[in-house]
Amino acid sequence: QVQLVESGGGSVQAGGSLRLSCAASGSIIIFTNMGWYRQAPGKSRELVASITTNYITTYVDSVKGRFTISRDNYKKTVYLQMNSLKPEDTAVYYCRVLPMGNWGQGTQVTVSS
């Protein structure tokens, strides 16, 4: 089973940017759709962005125009560029092989006002 390792989280002020990375242990992700999820304290985990093998992207309404998902199959890595961050973006972010792959350990994003 592919192992996923997220990185790039941190603490930023509102309006700032972060770039998350999700590195996979195997090449299987080249052939799969991938997603970024987040889970805020006291809330359920939600899918915020996804990318298909044909590079078709989808976003939850709350991040449209601010977040960009991308993939580099050569590096076996999926990225989430997050701009114009808001305090409500504070959460642990996870990547996942869609639709029902295993989870990575997550990376914490904290946005202060």
Protein backbone atom coordinates (compact mmCIF):
# COMPACT_ATOMS: atom_id res chain seq x y z
CA GLN A 1 0.00 0.00 0.00
CA VAL A 2 1.35 3.42 -0.91
CA GLN A 3 2.65 5.55 1.95
CA LEU A 4 1.92 9.29 1.88
CA VAL A 5 3.92 11.96 3.71
CA GLU A 6 2.56 15.49 3.94
CA SER A 7 4.76 18.50 4.66
CA GLY A 8 4.81 22.27 4.33
CA GLY A 9 2.38 23.25 7.04
CA GLY A 10 3.06 26.02 9.52
CA SER A 11 1.76 29.17 11.13
CA VAL A 12 1.02 32.24 9.04
CA GLN A 13 -0.95 35.43 9.35
CA ALA A 14 -4.16 35.98 7.44
CA GLY A 15 -3.43 36.82 3.83
CA GLY A 16 -0.28 34.73 3.77
CA SER A 17 0.59 31.69 1.68
CA LEU A 18 1.76 28.14 2.20
CA ARG A 19 2.59 25.29 -0.16
CA LEU A 20 1.83 21.80 1.03
CA SER A 21 3.50 18.73 -0.44
CA CYS A 22 2.39 15.11 -0.42
CA ALA A 23 5.13 12.67 -1.32
CA ALA A 24 4.24 9.09 -2.19
CA SER A 25 6.38 6.05 -1.59
CA GLY A 26 5.40 4.34 -4.83
CA SER A 27 4.55 5.13 -8.41
CA ILE A 28 0.94 4.02 -8.15
CA ILE A 29 -0.21 7.61 -7.64
CA ILE A 30 0.68 8.27 -11.26
CA PHE A 31 -2.36 6.17 -12.13
CA THR A 32 -4.74 7.50 -9.49
CA ASN A 33 -6.77 10.56 -8.67
CA MET A 34 -5.53 12.42 -5.61
CA GLY A 35 -7.16 14.66 -3.06
CA TRP A 36 -6.32 17.08 -0.27
CA TYR A 37 -8.57 17.00 2.79
CA ARG A 38 -8.62 19.06 5.95
CA GLN A 39 -10.00 18.61 9.43
CA ALA A 40 -10.55 21.55 11.74
CA PRO A 41 -11.01 21.09 15.51
CA GLY A 42 -14.48 19.79 16.26
CA LYS A 43 -15.36 19.37 12.58
CA SER A 44 -15.49 16.45 10.21
CA ARG A 45 -12.83 15.92 7.57
CA GLU A 46 -13.66 17.54 4.23
CA LEU A 47 -12.29 17.21 0.73
CA VAL A 48 -10.98 20.62 -0.33
CA ALA A 49 -9.33 19.84 -3.66
CA SER A 50 -8.83 16.94 -6.04
CA ILE A 51 -6.89 16.27 -9.22
CA THR A 52 -7.40 13.49 -11.73
CA THR A 53 -4.81 11.61 -13.75
CA ASN A 54 -5.77 13.95 -16.60
CA TYR A 55 -5.06 17.00 -14.43
CA ILE A 56 -8.71 17.95 -14.04
CA THR A 57 -9.11 19.82 -10.76
CA THR A 58 -12.05 20.45 -8.44
CA TYR A 59 -12.32 22.60 -5.32
CA VAL A 60 -14.72 23.14 -2.48
CA ASP A 61 -16.39 26.55 -2.81
CA SER A 62 -14.65 28.00 0.24
CA VAL A 63 -11.19 27.71 -1.35
CA LYS A 64 -11.93 28.42 -5.01
CA GLY A 65 -9.69 31.13 -6.38
CA ARG A 66 -7.29 30.82 -3.43
CA PHE A 67 -6.01 27.22 -3.49
CA THR A 68 -4.40 25.37 -6.38
CA ILE A 69 -3.81 21.63 -6.49
CA SER A 70 -1.16 20.24 -8.80
CA ARG A 71 0.83 17.08 -9.32
CA ASP A 72 4.31 16.12 -10.47
CA ASN A 73 4.20 12.47 -11.48
CA TYR A 74 7.97 12.32 -11.99
CA LYS A 75 8.48 13.33 -8.37
CA LYS A 76 5.45 11.29 -7.22
CA THR A 77 4.26 14.36 -5.38
CA VAL A 78 1.00 16.27 -5.12
CA TYR A 79 0.96 19.92 -4.06
CA LEU A 80 -1.54 22.34 -2.59
CA GLN A 81 -0.69 25.99 -3.06
CA MET A 82 -2.69 28.04 -0.58
CA ASN A 83 -2.89 31.81 -1.02
CA SER A 84 -4.88 34.52 0.75
CA LEU A 85 -5.19 32.29 3.79
CA LYS A 86 -7.94 32.93 6.29
CA PRO A 87 -8.27 31.94 9.96
CA GLU A 88 -11.01 29.51 8.94
CA ASP A 89 -8.44 27.60 6.88
CA THR A 90 -6.82 26.48 10.13
CA ALA A 91 -6.85 22.67 10.14
CA VAL A 92 -4.78 19.55 9.76
CA TYR A 93 -4.35 18.87 6.05
CA TYR A 94 -4.14 15.36 4.63
CA CYS A 95 -3.64 13.92 1.19
CA ARG A 96 -5.20 10.72 -0.01
CA VAL A 97 -5.41 8.43 -3.00
CA LEU A 98 -9.00 8.76 -4.17
CA PRO A 99 -11.51 7.48 -3.58
CA MET A 100 -10.68 5.36 -0.54
CA GLY A 101 -6.91 5.18 -0.10
CA ASN A 102 -5.01 5.35 3.16
CA TRP A 103 -4.21 8.60 4.95
CA GLY A 104 -0.89 10.26 5.62
CA GLN A 105 -0.05 11.68 9.04
CA GLY A 106 -1.23 15.16 8.10
CA THR A 107 0.37 18.59 8.39
CA GLN A 108 -0.92 21.39 10.62
CA VAL A 109 -1.86 24.75 9.11
CA THR A 110 -2.59 27.59 11.51
CA VAL A 111 -3.74 30.99 10.26
CA SER A 112 -3.89 33.86 12.73
CA SER A 113 -5.92 37.02 12.28
